[in-house]
């Protein structure tokens, strides 16, 4: 990853008993990545997603494209 400090946050919509992820969007513009981690295991691994892929995922969630059938 980088040596920059990650600024992790959880969505304000995440109020589901701890089944959340955290993201660090401060690397999206300068490095083109969005790290994602499990909010219950903050010392565990983080996935580094391409910023455009993360944006497409968020857009799909907002549009309801990923709702369970």
C-alpha atoms as a PDB file:
ATOM      1  CA  UNK A   1       0.000   0.000   0.000  1.00  0.00           C
ATOM      2  CA  UNK A   2       1.436   3.403   0.903  1.00  0.00           C
ATOM      3  CA  UNK A   3       3.060   5.017   3.906  1.00  0.00           C
ATOM      4  CA  UNK A   4       0.214   7.518   4.225  1.00  0.00           C
ATOM      5  CA  UNK A   5      -2.056   7.300   7.265  1.00  0.00           C
ATOM      6  CA  UNK A   6      -5.353   5.703   6.380  1.00  0.00           C
ATOM      7  CA  UNK A   7      -8.434   7.574   7.606  1.00  0.00           C
ATOM      8  CA  UNK A   8     -10.946   4.803   8.209  1.00  0.00           C
ATOM      9  CA  UNK A   9     -14.682   5.390   8.502  1.00  0.00           C
ATOM     10  CA  UNK A  10     -17.877   3.378   8.664  1.00  0.00           C
ATOM     11  CA  UNK A  11     -20.994   4.534   6.863  1.00  0.00           C
ATOM     12  CA  UNK A  12     -23.587   6.363   8.920  1.00  0.00           C
ATOM     13  CA  UNK A  13     -26.045   3.784   7.559  1.00  0.00           C
ATOM     14  CA  UNK A  14     -24.127   0.968   9.282  1.00  0.00           C
ATOM     15  CA  UNK A  15     -26.193   0.240  12.363  1.00  0.00           C
ATOM     16  CA  UNK A  16     -26.646  -3.490  11.965  1.00  0.00           C
ATOM     17  CA  UNK A  17     -25.027  -5.025  15.008  1.00  0.00           C
ATOM     18  CA  UNK A  18     -21.397  -4.892  13.951  1.00  0.00           C
ATOM     19  CA  UNK A  19     -21.611  -6.534  10.527  1.00  0.00           C
ATOM     20  CA  UNK A  20     -19.877  -3.606   8.837  1.00  0.00           C
ATOM     21  CA  UNK A  21     -16.912  -2.724   6.721  1.00  0.00           C
ATOM     22  CA  UNK A  22     -14.733   0.344   7.002  1.00  0.00           C
ATOM     23  CA  UNK A  23     -13.220   2.214   4.082  1.00  0.00           C
ATOM     24  CA  UNK A  24     -10.343   4.671   3.782  1.00  0.00           C
ATOM     25  CA  UNK A  25     -11.263   6.909   0.863  1.00  0.00           C
ATOM     26  CA  UNK A  26      -8.400   9.354   1.392  1.00  0.00           C
ATOM     27  CA  UNK A  27      -6.245   7.294  -0.991  1.00  0.00           C
ATOM     28  CA  UNK A  28      -8.751   7.324  -3.868  1.00  0.00           C
ATOM     29  CA  UNK A  29      -7.605  10.540  -5.527  1.00  0.00           C
ATOM     30  CA  UNK A  30      -3.835  10.362  -5.005  1.00  0.00           C
ATOM     31  CA  UNK A  31      -3.384   6.610  -5.527  1.00  0.00           C
ATOM     32  CA  UNK A  32      -6.550   5.297  -7.184  1.00  0.00           C
ATOM     33  CA  UNK A  33      -7.305   2.768  -4.439  1.00  0.00           C
ATOM     34  CA  UNK A  34      -9.892   2.376  -1.676  1.00  0.00           C
ATOM     35  CA  UNK A  35      -8.824   0.091   1.175  1.00  0.00           C
ATOM     36  CA  UNK A  36     -11.681  -1.872   2.775  1.00  0.00           C
ATOM     37  CA  UNK A  37     -11.542  -3.852   6.037  1.00  0.00           C
ATOM     38  CA  UNK A  38     -13.784  -5.692   8.489  1.00  0.00           C
ATOM     39  CA  UNK A  39     -14.868  -3.325  11.257  1.00  0.00           C
ATOM     40  CA  UNK A  40     -14.691  -6.171  13.786  1.00  0.00           C
ATOM     41  CA  UNK A  41     -11.058  -6.961  12.945  1.00  0.00           C
ATOM     42  CA  UNK A  42      -9.313  -3.621  12.513  1.00  0.00           C
ATOM     43  CA  UNK A  43      -5.858  -5.167  12.847  1.00  0.00           C
ATOM     44  CA  UNK A  44      -6.634  -7.765  10.199  1.00  0.00           C
ATOM     45  CA  UNK A  45      -6.072  -7.561   6.463  1.00  0.00           C
ATOM     46  CA  UNK A  46      -7.506  -4.886   4.204  1.00  0.00           C
ATOM     47  CA  UNK A  47      -8.505  -5.272   0.574  1.00  0.00           C
ATOM     48  CA  UNK A  48      -7.204  -2.587  -1.765  1.00  0.00           C
ATOM     49  CA  UNK A  49      -9.862  -2.006  -4.391  1.00  0.00           C
ATOM     50  CA  UNK A  50      -9.447   0.157  -7.462  1.00  0.00           C
ATOM     51  CA  UNK A  51     -11.277   3.428  -6.865  1.00  0.00           C
ATOM     52  CA  UNK A  52     -13.354   3.058 -10.045  1.00  0.00           C
ATOM     53  CA  UNK A  53     -14.423  -0.471  -9.052  1.00  0.00           C
ATOM     54  CA  UNK A  54     -15.404   0.714  -5.566  1.00  0.00           C
ATOM     55  CA  UNK A  55     -17.393   3.606  -7.077  1.00  0.00           C
ATOM     56  CA  UNK A  56     -19.224   1.190  -9.377  1.00  0.00           C
ATOM     57  CA  UNK A  57     -20.017  -1.069  -6.398  1.00  0.00           C
ATOM     58  CA  UNK A  58     -21.417   1.849  -4.373  1.00  0.00           C
ATOM     59  CA  UNK A  59     -23.480   3.009  -7.361  1.00  0.00           C
ATOM     60  CA  UNK A  60     -24.892  -0.516  -7.731  1.00  0.00           C
ATOM     61  CA  UNK A  61     -25.841  -0.650  -4.055  1.00  0.00           C
ATOM     62  CA  UNK A  62     -27.533   2.760  -4.236  1.00  0.00           C
ATOM     63  CA  UNK A  63     -29.443   1.738  -7.367  1.00  0.00           C
ATOM     64  CA  UNK A  64     -30.665  -1.454  -5.703  1.00  0.00           C
ATOM     65  CA  UNK A  65     -28.881  -3.641  -8.240  1.00  0.00           C
ATOM     66  CA  UNK A  66     -27.415  -5.815  -5.480  1.00  0.00           C
ATOM     67  CA  UNK A  67     -30.567  -6.452  -3.462  1.00  0.00           C
ATOM     68  CA  UNK A  68     -31.141 -10.095  -2.533  1.00  0.00           C
ATOM     69  CA  UNK A  69     -33.822 -11.791  -4.588  1.00  0.00           C
END
